[in-house]
N, C-alpha and C. Protein backbone atom coordinates (compact mmCIF):
# COMPACT_ATOMS: atom_id res chain seq x y z
N MET A 1 -52.47 7.02 -64.03
CA MET A 1 -53.09 8.12 -63.30
C MET A 1 -54.00 8.94 -64.20
N LYS A 2 -53.65 9.07 -65.46
CA LYS A 2 -54.50 9.90 -66.32
C LYS A 2 -55.89 9.30 -66.48
N ASN A 3 -56.01 7.98 -66.31
CA ASN A 3 -57.31 7.31 -66.39
C ASN A 3 -58.00 7.18 -65.03
N HIS A 4 -57.30 7.62 -63.98
CA HIS A 4 -57.83 7.54 -62.62
C HIS A 4 -58.22 6.12 -62.25
N ARG A 5 -57.33 5.18 -62.54
CA ARG A 5 -57.61 3.78 -62.25
C ARG A 5 -56.51 3.20 -61.38
N ILE A 6 -56.93 2.30 -60.53
CA ILE A 6 -55.98 1.58 -59.69
C ILE A 6 -55.43 0.43 -60.52
N PHE A 7 -54.12 0.29 -60.54
CA PHE A 7 -53.50 -0.80 -61.28
C PHE A 7 -53.68 -2.12 -60.55
N ASP A 8 -53.38 -2.13 -59.26
CA ASP A 8 -53.47 -3.37 -58.52
C ASP A 8 -53.53 -3.09 -57.02
N VAL A 9 -54.19 -3.97 -56.30
CA VAL A 9 -54.21 -3.97 -54.85
C VAL A 9 -53.84 -5.38 -54.44
N GLN A 10 -52.84 -5.49 -53.60
CA GLN A 10 -52.34 -6.80 -53.22
C GLN A 10 -52.47 -7.00 -51.72
N PRO A 11 -53.11 -8.09 -51.28
CA PRO A 11 -53.18 -8.34 -49.84
C PRO A 11 -51.82 -8.75 -49.29
N GLY A 12 -51.61 -8.45 -48.05
CA GLY A 12 -50.37 -8.81 -47.39
C GLY A 12 -49.82 -7.61 -46.64
N ARG A 13 -49.19 -7.88 -45.52
CA ARG A 13 -48.68 -6.79 -44.70
C ARG A 13 -47.17 -6.89 -44.48
N SER A 14 -46.60 -8.03 -44.75
CA SER A 14 -45.17 -8.20 -44.47
C SER A 14 -44.38 -8.27 -45.78
N GLU A 15 -43.08 -8.07 -45.64
CA GLU A 15 -42.21 -8.17 -46.80
C GLU A 15 -42.26 -9.58 -47.38
N ALA A 16 -42.31 -10.57 -46.53
CA ALA A 16 -42.35 -11.97 -46.99
C ALA A 16 -43.61 -12.23 -47.82
N GLU A 17 -44.74 -11.68 -47.40
CA GLU A 17 -46.00 -11.90 -48.12
C GLU A 17 -46.03 -11.19 -49.47
N LEU A 18 -45.36 -10.07 -49.58
CA LEU A 18 -45.42 -9.26 -50.79
C LEU A 18 -44.23 -9.47 -51.73
N HIS A 19 -43.18 -10.07 -51.23
CA HIS A 19 -41.94 -10.19 -52.00
C HIS A 19 -42.15 -10.93 -53.34
N ASP A 20 -42.78 -12.08 -53.31
CA ASP A 20 -42.98 -12.86 -54.55
C ASP A 20 -43.79 -12.08 -55.57
N PHE A 21 -44.86 -11.45 -55.11
CA PHE A 21 -45.70 -10.65 -56.00
C PHE A 21 -44.89 -9.53 -56.65
N LEU A 22 -44.11 -8.82 -55.86
CA LEU A 22 -43.34 -7.69 -56.38
C LEU A 22 -42.22 -8.14 -57.32
N CYS A 23 -41.63 -9.28 -57.04
CA CYS A 23 -40.56 -9.78 -57.91
C CYS A 23 -41.08 -10.18 -59.29
N LYS A 24 -42.33 -10.61 -59.37
CA LYS A 24 -42.91 -11.07 -60.64
C LYS A 24 -43.34 -9.91 -61.55
N LEU A 25 -43.48 -8.74 -61.01
CA LEU A 25 -43.93 -7.60 -61.83
C LEU A 25 -42.87 -7.22 -62.84
N LYS A 26 -43.33 -6.87 -64.04
CA LYS A 26 -42.41 -6.45 -65.10
C LYS A 26 -42.43 -4.94 -65.24
N GLU A 27 -41.36 -4.41 -65.76
CA GLU A 27 -41.22 -2.98 -66.05
C GLU A 27 -41.46 -2.11 -64.81
N LYS A 28 -40.92 -2.56 -63.70
CA LYS A 28 -41.10 -1.81 -62.44
C LYS A 28 -40.44 -0.43 -62.51
N ASP A 29 -39.44 -0.29 -63.36
CA ASP A 29 -38.77 1.00 -63.47
C ASP A 29 -39.66 2.05 -64.14
N ARG A 30 -40.76 1.64 -64.73
CA ARG A 30 -41.69 2.59 -65.38
C ARG A 30 -42.77 3.10 -64.43
N VAL A 31 -42.87 2.49 -63.25
CA VAL A 31 -43.87 2.91 -62.27
C VAL A 31 -43.46 4.28 -61.72
N ARG A 32 -44.39 5.21 -61.74
CA ARG A 32 -44.10 6.59 -61.32
C ARG A 32 -44.68 6.96 -59.96
N VAL A 33 -45.80 6.34 -59.58
CA VAL A 33 -46.45 6.68 -58.32
C VAL A 33 -46.97 5.41 -57.66
N VAL A 34 -46.72 5.31 -56.35
CA VAL A 34 -47.27 4.21 -55.55
C VAL A 34 -47.92 4.84 -54.33
N CYS A 35 -49.18 4.49 -54.11
CA CYS A 35 -49.93 5.01 -52.97
C CYS A 35 -49.98 3.93 -51.89
N ILE A 36 -49.47 4.27 -50.70
CA ILE A 36 -49.43 3.32 -49.59
C ILE A 36 -49.75 4.06 -48.30
N ASP A 37 -49.98 3.27 -47.22
CA ASP A 37 -49.95 3.92 -45.92
C ASP A 37 -48.47 4.15 -45.64
N LEU A 38 -48.15 4.86 -44.62
CA LEU A 38 -46.76 5.29 -44.47
C LEU A 38 -45.92 4.40 -43.55
N SER A 39 -46.24 3.13 -43.47
CA SER A 39 -45.45 2.24 -42.62
C SER A 39 -44.05 2.05 -43.22
N SER A 40 -43.08 1.93 -42.36
CA SER A 40 -41.68 1.79 -42.80
C SER A 40 -41.45 0.57 -43.69
N PRO A 41 -42.00 -0.60 -43.35
CA PRO A 41 -41.76 -1.75 -44.23
C PRO A 41 -42.27 -1.52 -45.65
N TYR A 42 -43.43 -0.90 -45.80
CA TYR A 42 -43.96 -0.62 -47.14
C TYR A 42 -43.05 0.35 -47.89
N ARG A 43 -42.61 1.39 -47.21
CA ARG A 43 -41.72 2.36 -47.87
C ARG A 43 -40.45 1.68 -48.37
N ARG A 44 -39.86 0.84 -47.52
CA ARG A 44 -38.63 0.12 -47.93
C ARG A 44 -38.89 -0.76 -49.14
N LEU A 45 -39.99 -1.49 -49.13
CA LEU A 45 -40.33 -2.36 -50.26
C LEU A 45 -40.49 -1.57 -51.55
N ILE A 46 -41.19 -0.47 -51.46
CA ILE A 46 -41.43 0.35 -52.66
C ILE A 46 -40.12 0.92 -53.17
N GLN A 47 -39.29 1.42 -52.29
CA GLN A 47 -38.00 1.97 -52.71
C GLN A 47 -37.12 0.90 -53.35
N MET A 48 -37.20 -0.32 -52.84
CA MET A 48 -36.39 -1.41 -53.38
C MET A 48 -36.90 -1.87 -54.74
N HIS A 49 -38.20 -2.01 -54.89
CA HIS A 49 -38.76 -2.60 -56.11
C HIS A 49 -39.16 -1.57 -57.17
N PHE A 50 -39.39 -0.35 -56.78
CA PHE A 50 -39.82 0.70 -57.72
C PHE A 50 -38.91 1.93 -57.56
N PRO A 51 -37.71 1.85 -58.08
CA PRO A 51 -36.71 2.90 -57.83
C PRO A 51 -37.11 4.28 -58.36
N ASN A 52 -37.97 4.35 -59.36
CA ASN A 52 -38.34 5.63 -59.94
C ASN A 52 -39.70 6.14 -59.46
N ALA A 53 -40.31 5.43 -58.54
CA ALA A 53 -41.67 5.79 -58.10
C ALA A 53 -41.64 6.80 -56.97
N GLN A 54 -42.60 7.68 -57.04
CA GLN A 54 -42.84 8.61 -55.95
C GLN A 54 -43.84 7.95 -55.00
N ILE A 55 -43.55 7.99 -53.71
CA ILE A 55 -44.44 7.40 -52.72
C ILE A 55 -45.44 8.47 -52.27
N VAL A 56 -46.71 8.11 -52.36
CA VAL A 56 -47.78 9.03 -51.99
C VAL A 56 -48.63 8.36 -50.91
N ALA A 57 -48.96 9.11 -49.89
CA ALA A 57 -49.82 8.58 -48.83
C ALA A 57 -51.27 8.89 -49.17
N ASP A 58 -52.15 7.95 -48.91
CA ASP A 58 -53.56 8.23 -49.13
C ASP A 58 -54.08 9.11 -48.01
N ARG A 59 -55.11 9.87 -48.30
CA ARG A 59 -55.64 10.85 -47.34
C ARG A 59 -56.09 10.21 -46.04
N PHE A 60 -56.71 9.05 -46.12
CA PHE A 60 -57.20 8.39 -44.92
C PHE A 60 -56.08 8.21 -43.91
N HIS A 61 -54.94 7.70 -44.37
CA HIS A 61 -53.83 7.44 -43.45
C HIS A 61 -53.17 8.73 -42.97
N VAL A 62 -53.13 9.74 -43.80
CA VAL A 62 -52.58 11.02 -43.36
C VAL A 62 -53.45 11.61 -42.26
N VAL A 63 -54.76 11.60 -42.45
CA VAL A 63 -55.68 12.12 -41.43
C VAL A 63 -55.55 11.30 -40.15
N ARG A 64 -55.43 10.01 -40.29
CA ARG A 64 -55.28 9.14 -39.11
C ARG A 64 -54.02 9.48 -38.32
N ILE A 65 -52.91 9.68 -39.02
CA ILE A 65 -51.64 10.03 -38.36
C ILE A 65 -51.75 11.40 -37.69
N LEU A 66 -52.35 12.36 -38.38
CA LEU A 66 -52.52 13.69 -37.80
C LEU A 66 -53.37 13.63 -36.53
N ASN A 67 -54.48 12.92 -36.59
CA ASN A 67 -55.34 12.79 -35.41
C ASN A 67 -54.60 12.14 -34.25
N TYR A 68 -53.83 11.12 -34.55
CA TYR A 68 -53.05 10.44 -33.52
C TYR A 68 -52.13 11.42 -32.80
N HIS A 69 -51.41 12.24 -33.57
CA HIS A 69 -50.45 13.16 -32.97
C HIS A 69 -51.15 14.30 -32.21
N PHE A 70 -52.26 14.77 -32.74
CA PHE A 70 -53.02 15.78 -32.00
C PHE A 70 -53.50 15.21 -30.66
N LEU A 71 -53.99 13.98 -30.67
CA LEU A 71 -54.49 13.38 -29.42
C LEU A 71 -53.35 13.07 -28.46
N GLN A 72 -52.18 12.73 -28.97
CA GLN A 72 -51.02 12.54 -28.11
C GLN A 72 -50.66 13.86 -27.41
N LEU A 73 -50.70 14.95 -28.16
CA LEU A 73 -50.44 16.27 -27.57
C LEU A 73 -51.48 16.59 -26.51
N ALA A 74 -52.73 16.31 -26.80
CA ALA A 74 -53.80 16.56 -25.83
C ALA A 74 -53.58 15.74 -24.57
N ARG A 75 -53.14 14.51 -24.71
CA ARG A 75 -52.87 13.66 -23.53
C ARG A 75 -51.71 14.20 -22.70
N LEU A 76 -50.72 14.77 -23.37
CA LEU A 76 -49.60 15.37 -22.63
C LEU A 76 -50.06 16.58 -21.82
N LEU A 77 -50.93 17.37 -22.43
CA LEU A 77 -51.40 18.58 -21.77
C LEU A 77 -52.45 18.31 -20.70
N ALA A 78 -53.20 17.23 -20.87
CA ALA A 78 -54.25 16.86 -19.91
C ALA A 78 -54.15 15.36 -19.64
N PRO A 79 -53.26 14.96 -18.73
CA PRO A 79 -53.03 13.53 -18.48
C PRO A 79 -54.28 12.74 -18.10
N THR A 80 -55.31 13.40 -17.59
CA THR A 80 -56.53 12.68 -17.21
C THR A 80 -57.27 12.13 -18.43
N LEU A 81 -56.95 12.62 -19.61
CA LEU A 81 -57.58 12.10 -20.83
C LEU A 81 -57.31 10.62 -21.05
N LYS A 82 -56.13 10.16 -20.62
CA LYS A 82 -55.75 8.76 -20.84
C LYS A 82 -56.78 7.80 -20.28
N SER A 83 -57.37 8.16 -19.16
CA SER A 83 -58.28 7.24 -18.49
C SER A 83 -59.75 7.56 -18.74
N ASN A 84 -60.04 8.52 -19.61
CA ASN A 84 -61.43 8.88 -19.86
C ASN A 84 -61.75 8.74 -21.34
N ARG A 85 -62.29 7.59 -21.70
CA ARG A 85 -62.57 7.30 -23.11
C ARG A 85 -63.67 8.19 -23.68
N GLY A 86 -64.58 8.66 -22.84
CA GLY A 86 -65.65 9.53 -23.31
C GLY A 86 -65.11 10.85 -23.84
N TYR A 87 -64.14 11.42 -23.13
CA TYR A 87 -63.51 12.66 -23.59
C TYR A 87 -62.75 12.42 -24.89
N LEU A 88 -62.02 11.31 -24.94
CA LEU A 88 -61.24 11.00 -26.15
C LEU A 88 -62.14 10.80 -27.35
N ALA A 89 -63.25 10.11 -27.15
CA ALA A 89 -64.19 9.89 -28.26
C ALA A 89 -64.75 11.21 -28.76
N ALA A 90 -65.06 12.11 -27.84
CA ALA A 90 -65.59 13.42 -28.23
C ALA A 90 -64.51 14.24 -28.95
N MET A 91 -63.26 14.14 -28.52
CA MET A 91 -62.17 14.87 -29.18
C MET A 91 -61.98 14.35 -30.62
N ARG A 92 -62.13 13.04 -30.82
CA ARG A 92 -61.93 12.47 -32.15
C ARG A 92 -63.03 12.86 -33.13
N LYS A 93 -64.21 13.05 -32.63
CA LYS A 93 -65.37 13.24 -33.50
C LYS A 93 -65.44 14.66 -34.04
N ALA A 94 -65.81 14.79 -35.29
CA ALA A 94 -65.97 16.09 -35.95
C ALA A 94 -67.06 16.89 -35.25
N PRO A 95 -66.89 18.19 -35.12
CA PRO A 95 -67.86 19.02 -34.39
C PRO A 95 -69.30 18.85 -34.88
N GLU A 96 -69.47 18.73 -36.19
CA GLU A 96 -70.83 18.63 -36.74
C GLU A 96 -71.47 17.27 -36.47
N ARG A 97 -70.70 16.31 -36.00
CA ARG A 97 -71.24 14.97 -35.76
C ARG A 97 -71.38 14.64 -34.28
N LEU A 98 -71.11 15.61 -33.41
CA LEU A 98 -71.20 15.38 -31.97
C LEU A 98 -72.65 15.29 -31.51
N SER A 99 -72.91 14.35 -30.61
CA SER A 99 -74.23 14.29 -29.97
C SER A 99 -74.28 15.39 -28.91
N SER A 100 -75.44 15.65 -28.39
CA SER A 100 -75.56 16.70 -27.36
C SER A 100 -74.76 16.31 -26.12
N LYS A 101 -74.73 15.02 -25.79
CA LYS A 101 -73.95 14.56 -24.64
C LYS A 101 -72.45 14.77 -24.87
N GLN A 102 -71.99 14.49 -26.09
CA GLN A 102 -70.58 14.69 -26.42
C GLN A 102 -70.21 16.18 -26.41
N LYS A 103 -71.12 17.02 -26.90
CA LYS A 103 -70.88 18.47 -26.84
C LYS A 103 -70.72 18.92 -25.39
N GLN A 104 -71.58 18.39 -24.54
CA GLN A 104 -71.52 18.73 -23.11
C GLN A 104 -70.19 18.27 -22.52
N ARG A 105 -69.77 17.05 -22.87
CA ARG A 105 -68.48 16.53 -22.40
C ARG A 105 -67.32 17.43 -22.84
N LEU A 106 -67.35 17.82 -24.12
CA LEU A 106 -66.28 18.69 -24.62
C LEU A 106 -66.28 20.03 -23.89
N ASP A 107 -67.44 20.60 -23.66
CA ASP A 107 -67.52 21.87 -22.93
C ASP A 107 -66.91 21.73 -21.54
N GLU A 108 -67.22 20.62 -20.87
CA GLU A 108 -66.63 20.36 -19.55
C GLU A 108 -65.12 20.24 -19.65
N LEU A 109 -64.66 19.50 -20.66
CA LEU A 109 -63.23 19.30 -20.85
C LEU A 109 -62.53 20.63 -21.12
N PHE A 110 -63.10 21.45 -21.99
CA PHE A 110 -62.48 22.74 -22.33
C PHE A 110 -62.52 23.71 -21.16
N GLU A 111 -63.51 23.57 -20.31
CA GLU A 111 -63.59 24.42 -19.12
C GLU A 111 -62.47 24.05 -18.15
N THR A 112 -62.23 22.74 -18.02
CA THR A 112 -61.17 22.26 -17.13
C THR A 112 -59.78 22.46 -17.73
N HIS A 113 -59.67 22.25 -19.04
CA HIS A 113 -58.38 22.35 -19.75
C HIS A 113 -58.56 23.25 -20.98
N PRO A 114 -58.56 24.57 -20.79
CA PRO A 114 -58.82 25.47 -21.92
C PRO A 114 -57.81 25.34 -23.06
N VAL A 115 -56.63 24.86 -22.77
CA VAL A 115 -55.59 24.72 -23.80
C VAL A 115 -55.98 23.69 -24.86
N LEU A 116 -56.92 22.80 -24.54
CA LEU A 116 -57.32 21.76 -25.48
C LEU A 116 -58.26 22.25 -26.57
N GLN A 117 -58.97 23.33 -26.33
CA GLN A 117 -59.94 23.80 -27.32
C GLN A 117 -59.29 24.20 -28.64
N PRO A 118 -58.20 25.00 -28.62
CA PRO A 118 -57.56 25.30 -29.92
C PRO A 118 -56.97 24.07 -30.61
N ILE A 119 -56.52 23.09 -29.82
CA ILE A 119 -56.00 21.85 -30.40
C ILE A 119 -57.12 21.12 -31.12
N TYR A 120 -58.28 21.02 -30.48
CA TYR A 120 -59.45 20.38 -31.08
C TYR A 120 -59.84 21.09 -32.36
N GLN A 121 -59.87 22.40 -32.33
CA GLN A 121 -60.27 23.17 -33.51
C GLN A 121 -59.28 22.99 -34.65
N GLN A 122 -57.99 23.05 -34.35
CA GLN A 122 -56.97 22.88 -35.38
C GLN A 122 -57.00 21.47 -35.96
N MET A 123 -57.20 20.48 -35.10
CA MET A 123 -57.24 19.10 -35.55
C MET A 123 -58.35 18.91 -36.58
N HIS A 124 -59.52 19.47 -36.32
CA HIS A 124 -60.64 19.27 -37.23
C HIS A 124 -60.60 20.20 -38.45
N GLN A 125 -59.97 21.36 -38.32
CA GLN A 125 -59.76 22.19 -39.51
C GLN A 125 -58.81 21.49 -40.47
N LEU A 126 -57.77 20.92 -39.93
CA LEU A 126 -56.81 20.19 -40.77
C LEU A 126 -57.44 18.95 -41.38
N ARG A 127 -58.27 18.25 -40.62
CA ARG A 127 -59.00 17.10 -41.15
C ARG A 127 -59.88 17.50 -42.32
N GLU A 128 -60.56 18.63 -42.20
CA GLU A 128 -61.41 19.12 -43.31
C GLU A 128 -60.59 19.41 -44.55
N ILE A 129 -59.46 20.05 -44.37
CA ILE A 129 -58.58 20.35 -45.50
C ILE A 129 -58.10 19.05 -46.16
N MET A 130 -57.69 18.09 -45.34
CA MET A 130 -57.16 16.84 -45.88
C MET A 130 -58.25 16.00 -46.55
N ASN A 131 -59.47 16.15 -46.14
CA ASN A 131 -60.56 15.38 -46.75
C ASN A 131 -61.09 16.04 -48.01
N SER A 132 -60.64 17.24 -48.29
CA SER A 132 -61.06 17.92 -49.50
C SER A 132 -60.38 17.26 -50.71
N LYS A 133 -61.15 16.96 -51.72
CA LYS A 133 -60.60 16.26 -52.89
C LYS A 133 -60.05 17.21 -53.94
N HIS A 134 -60.31 18.49 -53.81
CA HIS A 134 -59.84 19.42 -54.84
C HIS A 134 -59.08 20.56 -54.21
């Protein structure tokens, strides 16, 4: 970490695909940090093979999980969102990147469901914080 370098990236998504690679690594007890997405199989593998490592989620996956949960909340509060991909696309997009048509869609959505506007604002404020590198 002090050199800001990635040690290794290994393809594979299942325990079977990664097991041989992880078993061949030496001095696994010296590994201090492992960065993964937060899937349960990966966490189990890391805990099994790197007992002293701290598991860290990369920002991309954290933002993705946060957005997912914010949009799930929005769907609960406004069930019509499930069937309207245009509204969902506008909700996902950062305010500064919205087209004029998407801004119009969001205004319509917030007029119909005012409770969604603070959710949208919080979702993107949190995204900005999570995307900050310092």
